[in-house]
Amino acid sequence: MLNDTICAISTALKDGAISIVRMSGEDAFSIIKEISDLKETVPNRIAYGHIIDNGEIIDEVLISCFGKGHSYTCEDMVEINCHGGVYVTKMILNLLLQKGCRLAEPGEFTKRAYLNGRIDLSEADAINDLVRAESDIQARSAIRGLNGSIERLLTPLMDEMKDVLSMIEVNIDYPEYEDEKQMTNDVIKPYILKWQKQAQEMIEKAERFSLVKDGIDTVIIGKPNVGKSSLLNALLEQDKAIVTDIEGTTRDLVEGKVRLKDITLNLIDTAGLRETQERIEQIGIAKTYEAIDKADLIIIVLDSANIDEKDKELLERYKDRDHIVVYNKSDLKETGEIRISALHADIASLTDYLNDKYQEDIDLIDEDVLNNERQIALMKQCLNELDQMTVHIDEAPLDMVITDLEEAYHYLCQILGKEYQEDLIDHMFRNFCLGK
C-alpha cells in the first residue's frame, strides 16, 4: 500500500535538544502546508516556520522537503525538526495523524526505499546494521554494505550465471540458431565447479568476518581454582564473578562482553571441571559442557604451578577445537607461551595474542564480504544447489541442468532482493538478437 502517506517519530522519544518527525507519501507536501505557516514547499530546501493547530503555535521548527526521486523513500517526503521533548513531539505526530497520515510500521520508510528501487535488499540490511552498530568494525561494515559492497561482490558471479543460463535457453528454445554456442554438459561443468569454489570462499570469508564483527563466543574453562573468574574480571575490568579460594565457587555461567582493540569477546566464565557429588555444582558443570559445545573459542586456563593429569586430559579433549591455553599465576611460576596473572590483572600477553590471532579476519573489513546471517544462509543454499549439480552433471539432460542452475541463481537474487525470472529475461533479450 504505497499510495498512502505515512508518518513516524524518527528520533528517540525522550527529552533532548531536537526531535525529528518524518512523513512520506503523495500527500506529504499538502499536509505540511496545512499544519504550518509554510506558504510553499520547495523541494530539497530547509525552511524555517511554525507548526500550528487551530491557530495556536505548537512549536518553532525547521522543515525539510524532499521531492520524488530525491528523498530516502523516492516519494515526496517531509522531515520536521522540532524541539526535543516527548510532549511536543507527540503533539506534532498526532496532528499529522489527524490530517490523514497513517502511523508507519517498523522499518516502513526503508521498505518503501527498497520497493521504489532506491536501494536493494542488501543495502536495506546495511541500514539496519548501521543503526544497531556497537563498534567501529560493525559501523564500517555497514557503511560498505550501504555503498553497494554486496552487489559488487555478487555481480561478476551473477553475470556469468546469467550468460550461461541465457545460452542454455537459446539452445533449448531456438535449436535452429546453430551459430550460437552449444551448451553441452561438458561445456557447463567447468563453470559449475568454478562457481562452487567461489561460493564456498564467500561463505568461509563471511563466517570468519562475522566472528570479529558480531563477537566471538568465548568460554573460559579449567579446573576449580585455576583463576577463571579472576581472568573474567580482569578482561571486563570489573568484579563481576565472585573470587574465593574455595573450590566450586562458580556454580552458574557468568557472562560479559569485552572489547579488545578491534575484536569483541562474548565471554562466559564456567564452573570448574571436576568430579563432584554436590548436586548444584553438577548442574553448573553440565551447563559448562553445553556452553563449550556452542563456543567459537575456548580459553583453557591452567595453574602454572600445578599442572596435573586432569589438565592434560582437558587439553587432549579439546585439541581439535579452536582454543587458547593460558598459564595463570605467572607471578608464582613462569611457564608456557601465554603467561598471565589474572589476580593482578596482568593479562597483556593474552589480549595481544587474541588481537594478533584475529588480525587476518579483521582485515576483511577492507574487502566486499557477505555481512549477515540472512545473506550467508542464502549463499549456502546456492552452494547446495551447485553441489547437487556436480553429482549428476555428467548424465543430466539439459532441461534438468537449467532448472537446478536457475535455483542456484534464484538464491543469489534473494540476497539482493531481485526478481530472478525478470532479471534473466532482460539479460537474455539484451544479449541475443532473437527477432531476426
Protein backbone atom coordinates (compact mmCIF):
# COMPACT_ATOMS: atom_id res chain seq x y z
CA MET A 1 0.00 0.00 0.00
CA LEU A 2 2.33 2.71 -1.30
CA ASN A 3 -0.33 5.25 -2.26
CA ASP A 4 -0.96 6.43 1.30
CA THR A 5 1.10 8.85 3.40
CA ILE A 6 2.92 7.55 6.44
CA CYS A 7 4.49 9.30 9.43
CA ALA A 8 6.61 8.41 12.44
CA ILE A 9 8.96 9.84 15.04
CA SER A 10 12.47 9.08 13.76
CA THR A 11 14.45 10.03 16.86
CA ALA A 12 14.39 8.51 20.34
CA LEU A 13 11.23 9.51 22.21
CA LYS A 14 12.86 11.21 25.19
CA ASP A 15 13.99 14.65 26.31
CA GLY A 16 16.65 16.10 24.04
CA ALA A 17 17.70 19.13 22.04
CA ILE A 18 15.72 18.19 18.90
CA SER A 19 13.34 15.55 17.63
CA ILE A 20 12.56 14.61 14.02
CA VAL A 21 9.10 13.65 12.79
CA ARG A 22 9.04 12.13 9.32
CA MET A 23 6.30 11.97 6.71
CA SER A 24 6.37 10.26 3.30
CA GLY A 25 3.77 9.84 0.56
CA GLU A 26 1.73 11.66 -2.05
CA ASP A 27 0.01 13.97 0.46
CA ALA A 28 3.14 14.91 2.42
CA PHE A 29 3.52 18.39 0.90
CA SER A 30 -0.17 19.33 1.18
CA ILE A 31 -0.33 18.15 4.80
CA ILE A 32 2.74 20.12 5.91
CA LYS A 33 1.24 23.30 4.41
CA GLU A 34 -1.99 22.55 6.23
CA ILE A 35 -0.35 22.33 9.69
CA SER A 36 2.29 25.04 9.34
CA ASP A 37 2.79 28.64 8.22
CA LEU A 38 4.81 27.37 5.24
CA LYS A 39 3.38 29.10 2.17
CA GLU A 40 5.08 26.86 -0.39
CA THR A 41 7.04 23.62 -0.40
CA VAL A 42 10.32 23.95 -2.26
CA PRO A 43 11.85 20.51 -2.78
CA ASN A 44 15.33 19.91 -1.36
CA ARG A 45 15.26 23.02 0.81
CA ILE A 46 15.10 23.61 4.56
CA ALA A 47 12.56 26.21 5.64
CA TYR A 48 12.04 27.95 8.98
CA GLY A 49 8.49 28.01 10.29
CA HIS A 50 5.96 27.03 12.93
CA ILE A 51 3.62 24.09 13.46
CA ILE A 52 0.12 25.43 14.08
CA ASP A 53 -3.05 23.78 15.41
CA ASN A 54 -6.32 25.72 15.41
CA GLY A 55 -4.44 29.00 15.13
CA GLU A 56 -2.15 28.21 18.05
CA ILE A 57 1.61 27.79 17.60
CA ILE A 58 2.69 24.35 18.75
CA ASP A 59 6.42 24.69 18.07
CA GLU A 60 9.09 26.60 16.20
CA VAL A 61 10.59 24.21 13.65
CA LEU A 62 12.80 23.62 10.62
CA ILE A 63 11.00 21.84 7.78
CA SER A 64 12.91 19.85 5.13
CA CYS A 65 11.05 18.93 1.95
CA PHE A 66 12.35 16.32 -0.48
CA GLY A 67 10.81 15.73 -3.91
CA LYS A 68 10.13 12.39 -5.54
CA GLY A 69 13.32 10.68 -6.62
CA HIS A 70 15.43 12.80 -4.27
CA SER A 71 14.24 11.51 -0.91
CA TYR A 72 15.08 8.50 1.22
CA THR A 73 11.89 6.75 0.08
CA CYS A 74 11.83 8.14 -3.50
CA GLU A 75 8.45 9.69 -2.58
CA ASP A 76 7.52 13.23 -1.58
CA MET A 77 8.92 13.40 1.92
CA VAL A 78 8.97 15.91 4.79
CA GLU A 79 11.10 15.96 7.92
CA ILE A 80 10.08 18.25 10.79
CA ASN A 81 12.93 19.21 13.12
CA CYS A 82 11.18 20.28 16.31
CA HIS A 83 12.34 20.98 19.83
CA GLY A 84 13.11 17.79 21.70
CA GLY A 85 10.72 16.50 24.29
CA VAL A 86 8.10 13.80 24.49
CA TYR A 87 5.05 16.09 24.74
CA VAL A 88 5.76 18.42 21.80
CA THR A 89 6.94 15.59 19.54
CA LYS A 90 3.81 13.54 20.22
CA MET A 91 1.60 16.59 19.60
CA ILE A 92 3.09 17.05 16.13
CA LEU A 93 2.76 13.32 15.36
CA ASN A 94 -0.89 13.33 16.47
CA LEU A 95 -1.54 16.37 14.31
CA LEU A 96 -0.20 14.52 11.24
CA LEU A 97 -2.38 11.53 12.06
CA GLN A 98 -5.44 13.79 12.34
CA LYS A 99 -4.72 15.18 8.88
CA GLY A 100 -4.79 11.75 7.25
CA CYS A 101 -1.35 10.24 7.74
CA ARG A 102 -1.01 6.62 8.78
CA LEU A 103 1.43 5.64 11.50
CA ALA A 104 4.33 3.88 9.76
CA GLU A 105 5.10 0.27 10.56
CA PRO A 106 8.60 -0.58 11.87
CA GLY A 107 11.08 -0.21 9.01
CA GLU A 108 8.44 1.02 6.56
CA PHE A 109 10.42 4.05 5.35
CA THR A 110 13.31 1.74 4.38
CA LYS A 111 10.83 -0.78 2.96
CA ARG A 112 9.49 1.93 0.65
CA ALA A 113 13.03 2.88 -0.36
CA TYR A 114 13.55 -0.77 -1.38
CA LEU A 115 10.19 -1.18 -3.14
CA ASN A 116 10.72 2.07 -5.03
CA GLY A 117 14.12 0.89 -6.27
CA ARG A 118 16.33 3.30 -4.37
CA ILE A 119 18.20 0.52 -2.56
CA ASP A 120 18.47 -3.25 -2.90
CA LEU A 121 17.79 -5.69 -0.07
CA SER A 122 21.45 -5.97 0.92
CA GLU A 123 21.61 -2.18 1.32
CA ALA A 124 18.46 -2.31 3.45
CA ASP A 125 20.27 -4.89 5.61
CA ALA A 126 23.19 -2.46 5.89
CA ILE A 127 20.96 0.39 7.05
CA ASN A 128 19.64 -1.76 9.89
CA ASP A 129 23.17 -2.91 10.72
CA LEU A 130 24.40 0.70 10.84
CA VAL A 131 21.62 1.75 13.21
CA ARG A 132 22.41 -1.16 15.52
CA ALA A 133 26.23 -0.92 15.26
CA GLU A 134 28.03 -1.06 18.61
CA SER A 135 31.62 -0.98 17.36
CA ASP A 136 33.82 0.62 14.75
CA ILE A 137 34.09 -2.59 12.73
CA GLN A 138 30.29 -3.06 12.69
CA ALA A 139 29.77 0.53 11.57
CA ARG A 140 32.44 0.32 8.85
CA SER A 141 30.99 -2.95 7.58
CA ALA A 142 27.51 -1.42 7.42
CA ILE A 143 28.80 1.61 5.52
CA ARG A 144 30.44 -0.69 2.94
CA GLY A 145 27.13 -2.54 2.58
CA LEU A 146 25.28 0.75 2.19
CA ASN A 147 27.68 1.68 -0.60
CA GLY A 148 26.88 -1.49 -2.56
CA SER A 149 29.57 -3.92 -1.39
CA ILE A 150 27.29 -6.98 -1.65
CA GLU A 151 26.19 -6.13 -5.17
CA ARG A 152 29.83 -5.60 -6.16
CA LEU A 153 30.69 -8.97 -4.63
CA LEU A 154 27.88 -10.89 -6.36
CA THR A 155 27.67 -9.14 -9.74
CA PRO A 156 30.57 -10.99 -11.50
CA LEU A 157 29.19 -14.37 -10.37
CA MET A 158 25.60 -13.49 -11.25
CA ASP A 159 26.54 -12.05 -14.65
CA GLU A 160 28.40 -15.22 -15.59
CA MET A 161 25.49 -17.38 -14.42
CA LYS A 162 23.09 -15.25 -16.47
CA ASP A 163 25.25 -15.64 -19.55
CA VAL A 164 25.28 -19.43 -19.24
CA LEU A 165 21.56 -19.61 -18.46
CA SER A 166 20.76 -17.39 -21.43
CA MET A 167 22.80 -19.54 -23.80
CA ILE A 168 21.16 -22.74 -22.48
CA GLU A 169 17.72 -21.16 -23.01
CA VAL A 170 18.63 -20.30 -26.59
CA ASN A 171 19.85 -23.86 -27.25
CA ILE A 172 16.59 -25.30 -25.91
CA ASP A 173 14.08 -22.79 -27.31
CA TYR A 174 15.80 -21.90 -30.58
CA PRO A 175 17.70 -25.01 -31.75
CA GLU A 176 17.69 -23.67 -35.32
CA TYR A 177 20.21 -20.96 -34.33
CA GLU A 178 23.26 -23.07 -34.94
CA ASP A 179 25.59 -20.06 -34.85
CA GLU A 180 25.02 -19.75 -31.08
CA LYS A 181 27.41 -21.60 -28.75
CA GLN A 182 26.20 -25.12 -27.98
CA MET A 183 25.97 -25.51 -24.18
CA THR A 184 26.65 -29.20 -23.62
CA ASN A 185 27.19 -30.67 -20.14
CA ASP A 186 30.93 -30.80 -20.83
CA VAL A 187 30.91 -27.07 -21.54
CA ILE A 188 28.80 -26.25 -18.48
CA LYS A 189 30.66 -28.41 -15.94
CA PRO A 190 33.79 -26.19 -15.59
CA TYR A 191 31.51 -23.22 -14.88
CA ILE A 192 29.71 -25.15 -12.12
CA LEU A 193 32.99 -26.16 -10.48
CA LYS A 194 34.25 -22.58 -10.66
CA TRP A 195 31.06 -21.15 -9.12
CA GLN A 196 31.10 -23.83 -6.46
CA LYS A 197 34.59 -22.72 -5.39
CA GLN A 198 33.62 -19.03 -5.45
CA ALA A 199 30.52 -19.61 -3.31
CA GLN A 200 32.49 -21.68 -0.79
CA GLU A 201 35.13 -18.95 -0.49
CA MET A 202 32.46 -16.28 0.03
CA ILE A 203 30.87 -18.32 2.82
CA GLU A 204 34.17 -19.05 4.55
CA LYS A 205 35.21 -15.38 4.47
CA ALA A 206 31.81 -14.24 5.69
CA GLU A 207 31.81 -16.67 8.61
CA ARG A 208 35.32 -15.61 9.62
CA PHE A 209 34.39 -11.95 9.41
CA SER A 210 31.14 -12.40 11.34
CA LEU A 211 33.17 -13.65 14.32
CA VAL A 212 35.12 -10.41 14.66
CA LYS A 213 32.15 -8.25 13.64
CA ASP A 214 29.45 -9.73 15.88
CA GLY A 215 31.63 -11.01 18.71
CA ILE A 216 33.46 -14.25 19.40
CA ASP A 217 31.53 -16.54 21.75
CA THR A 218 34.28 -17.44 24.20
CA VAL A 219 34.21 -19.81 27.18
CA ILE A 220 36.80 -19.84 29.93
CA ILE A 221 37.33 -23.36 31.27
CA GLY A 222 39.67 -25.18 33.62
CA LYS A 223 39.83 -26.99 36.93
CA PRO A 224 38.39 -25.34 40.04
CA ASN A 225 40.50 -22.53 41.47
CA VAL A 226 42.83 -22.03 38.49
CA GLY A 227 41.74 -18.39 38.14
CA LYS A 228 38.92 -18.48 35.58
CA SER A 229 36.75 -15.94 37.41
CA SER A 230 39.77 -13.72 38.09
CA LEU A 231 40.52 -13.76 34.36
CA LEU A 232 36.92 -12.84 33.51
CA ASN A 233 37.06 -9.93 35.97
CA ALA A 234 40.42 -8.78 34.59
CA LEU A 235 39.13 -8.83 31.00
CA LEU A 236 35.93 -6.98 31.94
CA GLU A 237 37.80 -4.64 34.30
CA GLN A 238 35.14 -5.19 36.94
CA ASP A 239 34.39 -7.65 39.74
CA LYS A 240 31.55 -9.49 38.02
CA ALA A 241 32.42 -13.02 39.13
CA ILE A 242 32.92 -13.99 42.78
CA VAL A 243 36.51 -14.98 43.50
CA THR A 244 37.47 -17.09 46.55
CA ASP A 245 39.99 -19.81 47.35
CA ILE A 246 37.11 -22.25 47.90
CA GLU A 247 36.78 -24.83 45.11
CA GLY A 248 33.46 -24.80 43.24
CA THR A 249 32.62 -21.14 43.96
CA THR A 250 31.29 -20.62 40.42
CA ARG A 251 28.13 -22.71 40.11
CA ASP A 252 26.39 -20.98 37.19
CA LEU A 253 27.57 -19.39 33.96
CA VAL A 254 28.76 -15.80 34.37
CA GLU A 255 28.67 -13.75 31.18
CA GLY A 256 30.10 -10.46 29.97
CA LYS A 257 31.21 -8.63 26.83
CA VAL A 258 34.65 -7.11 26.37
CA ARG A 259 36.15 -5.04 23.57
CA LEU A 260 39.83 -5.72 22.78
CA LYS A 261 41.17 -3.27 20.20
CA ASP A 262 39.27 -4.46 17.08
CA ILE A 263 37.52 -7.59 18.37
CA THR A 264 34.69 -8.29 20.79
CA LEU A 265 34.59 -11.31 23.08
CA ASN A 266 31.24 -12.60 24.34
CA LEU A 267 32.72 -14.13 27.49
CA ILE A 268 31.38 -16.95 29.62
CA ASP A 269 33.06 -17.96 32.87
CA THR A 270 32.18 -21.55 33.71
CA ALA A 271 32.08 -23.87 36.68
CA GLY A 272 35.36 -25.65 37.37
CA LEU A 273 35.53 -29.04 35.65
CA ARG A 274 35.90 -31.84 38.17
CA GLU A 275 34.11 -34.90 39.54
CA THR A 276 31.68 -33.89 42.28
CA GLN A 277 28.72 -35.30 44.19
CA GLU A 278 27.36 -31.85 45.02
CA ARG A 279 24.07 -31.53 43.08
CA ILE A 280 24.15 -27.79 42.36
CA GLU A 281 27.76 -27.92 41.20
CA GLN A 282 26.88 -30.87 38.93
CA ILE A 283 24.24 -28.69 37.23
CA GLY A 284 26.82 -25.91 36.78
CA ILE A 285 29.31 -28.34 35.21
CA ALA A 286 26.60 -29.65 32.84
CA LYS A 287 25.95 -26.06 31.74
CA THR A 288 29.68 -25.64 31.20
CA TYR A 289 29.75 -28.50 28.69
CA GLU A 290 26.72 -27.03 26.88
CA ALA A 291 28.49 -23.67 26.62
CA ILE A 292 31.66 -25.34 25.33
CA ASP A 293 29.70 -27.10 22.58
CA LYS A 294 28.35 -23.76 21.32
CA ALA A 295 31.55 -21.72 21.71
CA ASP A 296 33.63 -20.25 18.88
CA LEU A 297 36.72 -20.11 21.09
CA ILE A 298 37.80 -21.95 24.25
CA ILE A 299 40.26 -20.39 26.68
CA ILE A 300 41.76 -23.19 28.77
CA VAL A 301 43.24 -21.83 31.99
CA LEU A 302 46.00 -23.81 33.73
CA ASP A 303 47.69 -23.19 37.06
CA SER A 304 51.36 -22.60 36.18
CA ALA A 305 52.49 -24.07 39.48
CA ASN A 306 50.21 -27.09 39.48
CA ILE A 307 49.70 -28.84 36.10
CA ASP A 308 48.47 -32.40 36.53
CA GLU A 309 46.84 -35.27 34.65
CA LYS A 310 43.40 -33.58 34.76
CA ASP A 311 44.85 -30.62 32.86
CA LYS A 312 46.41 -32.94 30.28
CA GLU A 313 43.06 -34.71 29.83
CA LEU A 314 41.40 -31.34 29.28
CA LEU A 315 43.96 -30.35 26.65
CA GLU A 316 43.57 -33.68 24.87
CA ARG A 317 39.78 -33.44 24.90
CA TYR A 318 39.68 -30.05 23.16
CA LYS A 319 42.80 -30.25 20.99
CA ASP A 320 40.69 -30.21 17.80
CA ARG A 321 38.61 -27.21 18.84
CA ASP A 322 39.72 -23.61 18.35
CA HIS A 323 41.35 -22.96 21.72
CA ILE A 324 43.99 -20.98 23.58
CA VAL A 325 45.99 -22.34 26.52
CA VAL A 326 46.66 -19.72 29.21
CA TYR A 327 49.09 -20.28 32.06
CA ASN A 328 47.83 -18.35 35.09
CA LYS A 329 49.63 -17.39 38.33
CA SER A 330 52.79 -16.50 36.40
CA ASP A 331 53.83 -14.42 39.42
CA LEU A 332 54.37 -17.76 41.19
CA LYS A 333 55.91 -19.69 38.31
CA GLU A 334 56.63 -18.72 34.70
CA THR A 335 55.80 -21.36 32.14
CA GLY A 336 54.01 -21.65 28.78
CA GLU A 337 53.64 -19.30 25.83
CA ILE A 338 50.78 -17.15 27.17
CA ARG A 339 51.54 -16.27 30.80
CA ILE A 340 49.22 -14.13 32.91
CA SER A 341 48.49 -13.20 36.49
CA ALA A 342 44.72 -12.80 36.46
CA LEU A 343 44.54 -11.84 40.14
CA HIS A 344 46.82 -8.86 39.47
CA ALA A 345 45.12 -8.05 36.11
CA ASP A 346 48.37 -8.77 34.27
CA ILE A 347 46.80 -10.20 31.09
CA ALA A 348 48.55 -8.23 28.31
CA SER A 349 50.10 -11.35 26.77
CA LEU A 350 46.61 -12.85 26.31
CA THR A 351 44.98 -9.73 24.87
CA ASP A 352 47.91 -9.19 22.49
CA TYR A 353 47.69 -12.81 21.36
CA LEU A 354 43.94 -12.52 20.74
CA ASN A 355 44.31 -9.36 18.68
CA ASP A 356 47.05 -10.97 16.59
CA LYS A 357 45.10 -14.21 16.21
CA TYR A 358 42.14 -12.49 14.52
CA GLN A 359 44.01 -9.77 12.61
CA GLU A 360 43.60 -11.52 9.25
CA ASP A 361 39.84 -11.76 9.83
CA ILE A 362 39.70 -8.11 10.92
CA ASP A 363 41.42 -7.10 7.66
CA LEU A 364 38.41 -8.49 5.75
CA ILE A 365 36.71 -5.18 6.59
CA ASP A 366 38.52 -3.78 3.55
CA GLU A 367 37.01 -6.44 1.26
CA ASP A 368 33.48 -6.96 -0.04
CA VAL A 369 32.07 -9.69 2.21
CA LEU A 370 28.60 -11.09 2.95
CA ASN A 371 27.77 -9.47 6.24
CA ASN A 372 24.81 -11.08 7.98
CA GLU A 373 23.18 -14.44 8.64
CA ARG A 374 20.45 -13.99 6.02
CA GLN A 375 22.96 -13.43 3.25
CA ILE A 376 25.21 -16.29 4.38
CA ALA A 377 22.24 -18.69 4.62
CA LEU A 378 21.12 -17.86 1.07
CA MET A 379 24.66 -18.32 -0.26
CA LYS A 380 24.77 -21.73 1.45
CA GLN A 381 21.54 -22.68 -0.33
CA CYS A 382 23.06 -21.55 -3.62
CA LEU A 383 26.16 -23.66 -2.90
CA ASN A 384 23.98 -26.66 -2.06
CA GLU A 385 22.32 -26.42 -5.50
CA LEU A 386 25.73 -26.23 -7.17
CA ASP A 387 26.92 -29.22 -5.12
CA GLN A 388 23.93 -31.23 -6.30
CA MET A 389 24.65 -30.29 -9.89
CA THR A 390 28.20 -31.63 -9.72
CA VAL A 391 26.79 -35.03 -8.70
CA HIS A 392 24.65 -35.53 -11.82
CA ILE A 393 26.03 -33.02 -14.35
CA ASP A 394 27.65 -35.76 -16.45
CA GLU A 395 24.41 -37.51 -17.32
CA ALA A 396 21.64 -34.97 -16.56
CA PRO A 397 19.52 -33.71 -19.50
CA LEU A 398 19.89 -30.03 -20.36
CA ASP A 399 16.43 -29.05 -19.08
CA MET A 400 17.29 -30.50 -15.64
CA VAL A 401 20.59 -28.62 -15.63
CA ILE A 402 18.86 -25.31 -16.32
CA THR A 403 16.28 -25.96 -13.59
CA ASP A 404 18.98 -26.59 -10.98
CA LEU A 405 21.04 -23.64 -12.15
CA GLU A 406 18.02 -21.34 -12.02
CA GLU A 407 17.51 -22.40 -8.39
CA ALA A 408 21.11 -21.51 -7.55
CA TYR A 409 20.77 -18.16 -9.31
CA HIS A 410 17.45 -17.53 -7.55
CA TYR A 411 19.16 -17.66 -4.13
CA LEU A 412 21.69 -15.05 -5.24
CA CYS A 413 18.85 -12.82 -6.40
CA GLN A 414 17.22 -13.15 -2.99
CA ILE A 415 20.33 -11.73 -1.32
CA LEU A 416 19.82 -8.52 -3.31
CA GLY A 417 16.02 -8.76 -3.35
CA LYS A 418 15.75 -9.04 -7.12
CA GLU A 419 13.12 -10.87 -9.19
CA TYR A 420 15.26 -13.55 -10.74
CA GLN A 421 12.99 -14.51 -13.65
CA GLU A 422 12.58 -10.90 -14.80
CA ASP A 423 16.32 -10.35 -14.38
CA LEU A 424 17.11 -13.38 -16.55
CA ILE A 425 14.65 -12.45 -19.29
CA ASP A 426 16.01 -8.89 -19.53
CA HIS A 427 19.54 -10.25 -19.77
CA MET A 428 18.62 -12.83 -22.37
CA PHE A 429 16.99 -10.37 -24.78
CA ARG A 430 19.75 -7.80 -24.27
CA ASN A 431 22.44 -10.26 -25.31
CA PHE A 432 20.79 -12.21 -28.13
CA CYS A 433 19.21 -11.00 -31.30
CA LEU A 434 16.30 -13.46 -31.44
CA GLY A 435 13.84 -11.47 -33.56
CA LYS A 436 15.54 -11.56 -36.91
